[in-house]
Amino acid sequence: MTELLGGLGPAVIKSTWIQMFLAILVIGLRAYTASRTGEKWRWDFIWILLALVAGILTGVMSTMSAINGMGNHLANLNVQALYDLLYWEYLSTYLGTLSIAFSKFSVTALLLNVQYRTRNKTRRYALWISAITFAITSLLEIFLTAFQCAPDIKVWMVLDLATCKLEKGARVISYIHAITGGLTDIFLALFPISFVWDLQTSIKIKIGFCALMAVGIIPGIMSFYRFKTLRLIYTAPDVPYALGIFSLWAGVELGSLLILCSIPPLRPLFKKAYNKVSTRARTITGTAVFNRTGARSAYTTKVDKLDQDRLDDLDASGNVHVVVVEAGNKESMV
């Protein structure tokens, strides 16, 4: 079976599992961040966990398809290998569609939670309509693809005689699903602009949140490119190789969704890490300044949580104020 693995197959496997590893890492950090806050599991986290499980299973199916010849050239495969790779590829498509949908639901749930304070029903309805629309197209994608032929197994046994009354519908919905996915990603990525200015927080945080959410445009671009690769599958004479191209780009879309939609919830973790590094640097600088100006013993204020109010404790040069202690005397500030 190993001789069937060739062409784009190895690249598909490597790309898939590198992205899955990064997704597991990022979502693991997201789980760690949530556990530190002591909050209950929110729907955005539940959806992304479901998306990760479906994504890993998609990777397994895609790997099996590549092992059986997906990404290789048709001339290098026999009939049974063609059937096997198509079987695994279809399973990968079904699970990948679910993973992509769950990822978008996660972003939608996050936005619903964040913008809830604005009490704007129109925006909430817009998010719900977006999620429901993509859910419907995803279900139609799976149903029409799985049951386009009678009997069902003829979907991947393409050389056998079969009646495929829904074949045209399956192709049309695959195009619609790709376009709808891209538009949904862009809508969700830019949606925070519509409400973030109504939140009672600093301009810096507002801009930062919008910037973090805007990275969701990247999966949207991948979804539009999936539209192009779908046309290649339906028109190319070398279908296994065309499927390799499709799987590469579809895998990037799925992986980027899992990774990028988990970055905004990691902001507290990034902020905490940044504050620790920043505080340590300022503490060292402050101690060095004191040591150059006197020989007295000193210790610096310990900063565990640096918020906007405590930034006032830093002098204009960015040095932490140093507390000087002398035996028998009160503390004085340098």
Protein backbone atom coordinates (compact mmCIF):
# COMPACT_ATOMS: atom_id res chain seq x y z
CA MET A 1 0.00 0.00 0.00
CA THR A 2 2.93 2.33 0.64
CA GLU A 3 3.62 2.60 -3.13
CA LEU A 4 0.21 4.26 -3.53
CA LEU A 5 1.38 7.16 -1.37
CA GLY A 6 2.88 9.68 -3.74
CA GLY A 7 2.47 12.96 -5.54
CA LEU A 8 0.82 15.44 -3.18
CA GLY A 9 -0.10 12.74 -0.65
CA PRO A 10 2.89 13.23 1.69
CA ALA A 11 2.40 17.02 1.62
CA VAL A 12 -1.27 16.60 2.56
CA ILE A 13 -0.37 14.38 5.52
CA LYS A 14 2.38 16.70 6.81
CA SER A 15 0.29 19.84 6.40
CA THR A 16 -2.71 18.24 8.07
CA TRP A 17 -0.95 17.08 11.20
CA ILE A 18 1.20 20.19 11.66
CA GLN A 19 -2.00 22.22 11.72
CA MET A 20 -3.74 19.74 14.01
CA PHE A 21 -0.81 19.90 16.43
CA LEU A 22 -0.97 23.70 16.49
CA ALA A 23 -4.75 23.57 16.92
CA ILE A 24 -4.45 21.18 19.87
CA LEU A 25 -1.79 23.44 21.42
CA VAL A 26 -3.81 26.64 21.02
CA ILE A 27 -7.08 25.11 22.20
CA GLY A 28 -5.22 23.50 25.10
CA LEU A 29 -3.97 26.96 26.11
CA ARG A 30 -7.53 28.20 25.76
CA ALA A 31 -8.72 25.48 28.14
CA TYR A 32 -5.93 26.40 30.58
CA THR A 33 -6.92 30.07 30.45
CA ALA A 34 -10.56 29.21 31.10
CA SER A 35 -9.64 26.95 34.03
CA ARG A 36 -7.63 29.73 35.68
CA THR A 37 -10.60 32.09 35.65
CA GLY A 38 -12.84 29.56 37.38
CA GLU A 39 -15.67 30.18 34.95
CA LYS A 40 -18.12 27.54 33.72
CA TRP A 41 -17.70 26.14 30.24
CA ARG A 42 -19.12 28.60 27.75
CA TRP A 43 -20.70 27.64 24.44
CA ASP A 44 -17.86 29.11 22.40
CA PHE A 45 -15.45 26.72 24.13
CA ILE A 46 -17.77 23.72 23.77
CA TRP A 47 -18.18 24.37 20.05
CA ILE A 48 -14.44 24.68 19.47
CA LEU A 49 -13.85 21.39 21.32
CA LEU A 50 -16.37 19.69 19.03
CA ALA A 51 -14.67 21.33 16.05
CA LEU A 52 -11.28 20.02 17.21
CA VAL A 53 -12.57 16.45 17.61
CA ALA A 54 -14.17 16.56 14.16
CA GLY A 55 -10.99 18.14 12.78
CA ILE A 56 -8.76 15.38 14.16
CA LEU A 57 -11.07 12.73 12.69
CA THR A 58 -10.96 14.63 9.40
CA GLY A 59 -7.18 14.42 9.52
CA VAL A 60 -7.33 10.66 10.11
CA MET A 61 -9.65 10.14 7.14
CA SER A 62 -7.58 12.43 4.92
CA THR A 63 -4.43 10.53 5.89
CA MET A 64 -6.07 7.22 5.00
CA SER A 65 -7.12 8.68 1.66
CA ALA A 66 -3.55 9.83 0.96
CA ILE A 67 -2.15 6.43 1.92
CA ASN A 68 -4.51 4.88 -0.63
CA GLY A 69 -3.45 7.22 -3.43
CA MET A 70 -5.13 10.60 -2.97
CA GLY A 71 -2.76 13.21 -4.39
CA ASN A 72 -1.06 10.63 -6.60
CA HIS A 73 -1.57 10.47 -10.36
CA LEU A 74 -4.39 8.33 -11.74
CA ALA A 75 -1.97 6.39 -13.96
CA ASN A 76 -0.23 5.04 -10.84
CA LEU A 77 -3.41 3.63 -9.27
CA ASN A 78 -5.57 0.58 -9.81
CA VAL A 79 -9.36 0.52 -9.62
CA GLN A 80 -9.52 -0.70 -6.02
CA ALA A 81 -7.11 2.02 -4.89
CA LEU A 82 -9.31 4.61 -6.60
CA TYR A 83 -12.38 3.32 -4.78
CA ASP A 84 -10.57 3.25 -1.43
CA LEU A 85 -9.16 6.76 -1.67
CA LEU A 86 -12.55 8.18 -2.69
CA TYR A 87 -14.23 6.37 0.21
CA TRP A 88 -11.87 7.91 2.78
CA GLU A 89 -11.98 11.28 1.04
CA TYR A 90 -15.76 11.41 1.26
CA LEU A 91 -15.63 10.60 4.98
CA SER A 92 -13.04 13.36 5.35
CA THR A 93 -15.36 15.77 3.53
CA TYR A 94 -18.31 15.02 5.82
CA LEU A 95 -16.29 15.43 9.01
CA GLY A 96 -14.44 18.47 7.67
CA THR A 97 -17.74 20.16 6.89
CA LEU A 98 -18.86 19.58 10.48
CA SER A 99 -15.57 20.86 11.90
CA ILE A 100 -15.75 24.05 9.84
CA ALA A 101 -19.35 24.62 10.92
CA PHE A 102 -18.57 24.05 14.61
CA SER A 103 -15.65 26.51 14.39
CA LYS A 104 -17.93 29.21 13.02
CA PHE A 105 -20.50 28.46 15.72
CA SER A 106 -17.74 28.98 18.29
CA VAL A 107 -16.94 32.44 16.95
CA THR A 108 -20.65 33.27 16.80
CA ALA A 109 -21.15 32.20 20.43
CA LEU A 110 -18.14 34.29 21.48
CA LEU A 111 -19.51 37.38 19.73
CA LEU A 112 -22.98 36.83 21.18
CA ASN A 113 -21.44 36.71 24.64
CA VAL A 114 -19.24 39.79 24.17
CA GLN A 115 -21.85 42.03 22.58
CA TYR A 116 -24.61 40.99 24.99
CA ARG A 117 -23.96 44.07 27.13
CA THR A 118 -24.94 46.37 24.28
CA ARG A 119 -28.51 45.02 24.41
CA ASN A 120 -28.85 45.41 20.65
CA LYS A 121 -31.29 42.79 19.36
CA THR A 122 -30.63 43.57 15.69
CA ARG A 123 -26.99 42.55 16.01
CA ARG A 124 -27.92 39.38 17.87
CA TYR A 125 -30.43 38.46 15.17
CA ALA A 126 -27.76 39.07 12.52
CA LEU A 127 -25.40 36.64 14.26
CA TRP A 128 -28.12 34.01 14.62
CA ILE A 129 -29.12 34.36 10.96
CA SER A 130 -25.49 33.97 9.91
CA ALA A 131 -25.06 30.80 11.99
CA ILE A 132 -28.36 29.26 10.90
CA THR A 133 -27.67 29.99 7.23
CA PHE A 134 -24.30 28.29 7.34
CA ALA A 135 -25.73 25.38 9.35
CA ILE A 136 -28.34 24.78 6.65
CA THR A 137 -25.79 24.90 3.82
CA SER A 138 -23.51 22.53 5.75
CA LEU A 139 -26.29 20.00 6.31
CA LEU A 140 -27.30 20.21 2.64
CA GLU A 141 -23.66 19.77 1.65
CA ILE A 142 -23.38 16.55 3.66
CA PHE A 143 -26.79 15.17 2.69
CA LEU A 144 -26.60 15.85 -1.06
CA THR A 145 -23.02 14.63 -1.29
CA ALA A 146 -23.71 11.43 0.65
CA PHE A 147 -26.97 10.53 -1.10
CA GLN A 148 -26.41 11.82 -4.62
CA CYS A 149 -26.32 8.28 -6.03
CA ALA A 150 -28.36 5.12 -5.57
CA PRO A 151 -27.18 2.90 -4.03
CA ASP A 152 -25.08 5.10 -1.75
CA ILE A 153 -21.84 3.17 -2.23
CA LYS A 154 -21.79 4.23 -5.88
CA VAL A 155 -20.72 7.68 -4.70
CA TRP A 156 -17.12 6.43 -4.41
CA MET A 157 -17.40 3.39 -6.71
CA VAL A 158 -17.46 5.79 -9.65
CA LEU A 159 -16.77 3.25 -12.41
CA ASP A 160 -19.82 1.12 -11.58
CA LEU A 161 -23.21 1.80 -13.12
CA ALA A 162 -25.44 3.91 -10.88
CA THR A 163 -28.27 6.42 -10.90
CA CYS A 164 -27.07 9.77 -9.55
CA LYS A 165 -30.09 12.05 -9.68
CA LEU A 166 -28.69 14.43 -7.07
CA GLU A 167 -25.21 14.73 -8.59
CA LYS A 168 -25.87 18.17 -10.06
CA GLY A 169 -27.41 19.36 -6.80
CA ALA A 170 -24.39 18.08 -4.87
CA ARG A 171 -22.04 20.07 -7.08
CA VAL A 172 -24.10 23.23 -6.82
CA ILE A 173 -24.35 23.05 -3.02
CA SER A 174 -20.58 22.49 -2.76
CA TYR A 175 -20.04 25.80 -4.55
CA ILE A 176 -22.67 27.53 -2.42
CA HIS A 177 -21.11 26.11 0.75
CA ALA A 178 -17.67 27.47 -0.17
CA ILE A 179 -18.98 30.95 -0.97
CA THR A 180 -21.24 31.04 2.09
CA GLY A 181 -18.34 29.94 4.27
CA GLY A 182 -16.10 32.72 2.98
CA LEU A 183 -18.78 35.37 3.43
CA THR A 184 -19.57 34.09 6.93
CA ASP A 185 -15.91 34.26 7.97
CA ILE A 186 -15.57 37.83 6.74
CA PHE A 187 -18.84 38.84 8.40
CA LEU A 188 -17.77 37.38 11.76
CA ALA A 189 -14.26 38.85 11.47
CA LEU A 190 -15.54 42.39 10.91
CA PHE A 191 -18.65 42.16 13.10
CA PRO A 192 -16.96 43.51 16.28
CA ILE A 193 -16.58 46.89 14.58
CA SER A 194 -20.35 47.30 14.80
CA PHE A 195 -20.59 47.06 18.59
CA VAL A 196 -17.19 47.31 20.26
CA TRP A 197 -17.40 51.12 20.52
CA ASP A 198 -20.48 50.76 22.73
CA LEU A 199 -18.56 48.76 25.34
CA GLN A 200 -17.31 50.50 28.48
CA THR A 201 -13.60 49.81 28.10
CA SER A 202 -10.45 51.52 26.85
CA ILE A 203 -9.80 52.37 23.21
CA LYS A 204 -6.70 50.18 23.31
CA ILE A 205 -8.70 47.10 24.28
CA LYS A 206 -11.38 47.86 21.68
CA ILE A 207 -8.84 48.15 18.87
CA GLY A 208 -6.99 45.07 20.09
CA PHE A 209 -10.14 42.95 20.13
CA CYS A 210 -11.12 44.08 16.63
CA ALA A 211 -7.61 43.30 15.37
CA LEU A 212 -7.64 39.82 16.91
CA MET A 213 -11.04 39.04 15.41
CA ALA A 214 -10.01 40.41 12.00
CA VAL A 215 -7.60 37.50 11.47
CA GLY A 216 -10.74 35.47 10.74
CA ILE A 217 -10.63 36.93 7.24
CA ILE A 218 -7.82 34.48 6.43
CA PRO A 219 -10.03 31.33 6.57
CA GLY A 220 -12.56 33.26 4.49
CA ILE A 221 -9.99 33.73 1.76
CA MET A 222 -9.19 30.01 1.93
CA SER A 223 -12.89 29.23 1.57
CA PHE A 224 -13.10 31.31 -1.61
CA TYR A 225 -10.07 29.46 -2.95
CA ARG A 226 -11.84 26.18 -2.17
CA PHE A 227 -14.42 27.29 -4.74
CA LYS A 228 -11.66 27.28 -7.36
CA THR A 229 -10.31 23.86 -6.35
CA LEU A 230 -13.83 22.40 -6.52
CA ARG A 231 -14.02 23.36 -10.18
CA LEU A 232 -10.68 21.61 -10.67
CA ILE A 233 -12.05 18.37 -9.18
CA TYR A 234 -15.11 18.40 -11.43
CA THR A 235 -13.18 19.16 -14.64
CA ALA A 236 -9.68 17.69 -14.27
CA PRO A 237 -9.01 14.30 -15.94
CA ASP A 238 -6.58 13.34 -13.14
CA VAL A 239 -9.08 13.31 -10.26
CA PRO A 240 -6.83 11.79 -7.51
CA TYR A 241 -4.20 14.49 -8.07
CA ALA A 242 -6.89 17.21 -8.16
CA LEU A 243 -8.21 15.87 -4.86
CA GLY A 244 -4.73 16.34 -3.42
CA ILE A 245 -4.82 20.04 -4.35
CA PHE A 246 -8.32 20.35 -2.89
CA SER A 247 -7.34 18.59 0.34
CA LEU A 248 -4.31 20.83 0.83
CA TRP A 249 -6.33 24.04 0.64
CA ALA A 250 -9.38 22.68 2.46
CA GLY A 251 -7.05 21.50 5.22
CA VAL A 252 -5.51 24.97 5.51
CA GLU A 253 -9.00 26.46 5.77
CA LEU A 254 -10.02 24.02 8.51
CA GLY A 255 -6.74 24.33 10.42
CA SER A 256 -6.68 28.13 10.27
CA LEU A 257 -10.24 28.23 11.59
CA LEU A 258 -9.37 26.04 14.57
CA ILE A 259 -6.23 28.04 15.36
CA LEU A 260 -7.23 31.62 14.60
CA CYS A 261 -10.69 31.58 16.17
CA SER A 262 -9.07 30.50 19.45
CA ILE A 263 -6.61 33.41 19.57
CA PRO A 264 -9.01 36.16 20.81
CA PRO A 265 -10.00 34.20 23.96
CA LEU A 266 -6.27 33.83 24.74
CA ARG A 267 -5.86 37.58 25.23
CA PRO A 268 -5.87 37.31 29.09
CA LEU A 269 -3.07 34.74 28.91
CA PHE A 270 -1.02 36.87 26.49
CA LYS A 271 -1.59 39.94 28.65
CA LYS A 272 -0.51 38.12 31.80
CA ALA A 273 2.66 36.82 30.14
CA TYR A 274 3.44 40.26 28.70
CA ASN A 275 2.90 41.93 32.07
CA LYS A 276 5.22 39.49 33.83
CA VAL A 277 8.00 40.06 31.30
CA SER A 278 7.40 43.81 31.27
CA THR A 279 7.31 44.03 35.06
CA ARG A 280 10.51 42.02 35.43
CA ALA A 281 12.29 44.24 32.92
CA ARG A 282 11.14 47.40 34.71
CA THR A 283 12.10 45.96 38.10
CA ILE A 284 15.61 45.14 36.94
CA THR A 285 15.97 48.59 35.40
CA GLY A 286 14.72 50.27 38.57
CA THR A 287 17.13 48.30 40.76
CA ALA A 288 20.03 49.12 38.47
CA VAL A 289 19.19 52.83 38.64
CA PHE A 290 19.16 52.72 42.44
CA ASN A 291 22.42 50.77 42.67
CA ARG A 292 24.18 53.40 40.61
CA THR A 293 23.02 56.20 42.92
CA GLY A 294 23.57 54.75 46.41
CA ALA A 295 24.92 51.88 48.46
CA ARG A 296 21.89 51.24 50.63
CA SER A 297 19.99 47.93 50.59
CA ALA A 298 16.86 47.97 48.49
CA TYR A 299 14.03 45.86 47.30
CA THR A 300 11.51 46.55 44.62
CA THR A 301 7.77 46.40 44.75
CA LYS A 302 6.44 43.09 43.63
CA VAL A 303 3.89 43.40 40.83
CA ASP A 304 1.70 40.40 40.17
CA LYS A 305 -1.09 42.05 38.23
CA LEU A 306 -0.29 45.22 36.35
CA ASP A 307 -3.47 47.04 35.37
CA GLN A 308 -4.08 50.52 34.08
CA ASP A 309 -4.25 52.07 37.56
CA ARG A 310 -0.92 50.64 38.65
CA LEU A 311 0.80 51.95 35.56
CA ASP A 312 0.73 55.29 37.39
CA ASP A 313 3.33 53.81 39.76
CA LEU A 314 5.89 53.88 36.97
CA ASP A 315 7.94 57.02 36.47
CA ALA A 316 8.30 58.80 33.15
CA SER A 317 11.40 56.81 32.20
CA GLY A 318 9.60 53.49 32.66
CA ASN A 319 11.47 52.54 35.85
CA VAL A 320 9.68 50.98 38.81
CA HIS A 321 9.86 53.07 41.98
CA VAL A 322 12.27 51.47 44.45
CA VAL A 323 11.42 51.10 48.12
CA VAL A 324 14.42 51.73 50.39
CA VAL A 325 14.61 50.11 53.82
CA GLU A 326 17.00 51.23 56.54
CA ALA A 327 17.31 49.58 59.94
CA GLY A 328 15.08 51.27 62.47
CA ASN A 329 13.72 53.75 59.93
CA LYS A 330 10.49 53.97 58.02
CA GLU A 331 10.27 53.07 54.36
CA SER A 332 10.95 55.85 51.94
CA MET A 333 10.43 56.07 48.18
CA VAL A 334 13.33 56.79 45.84
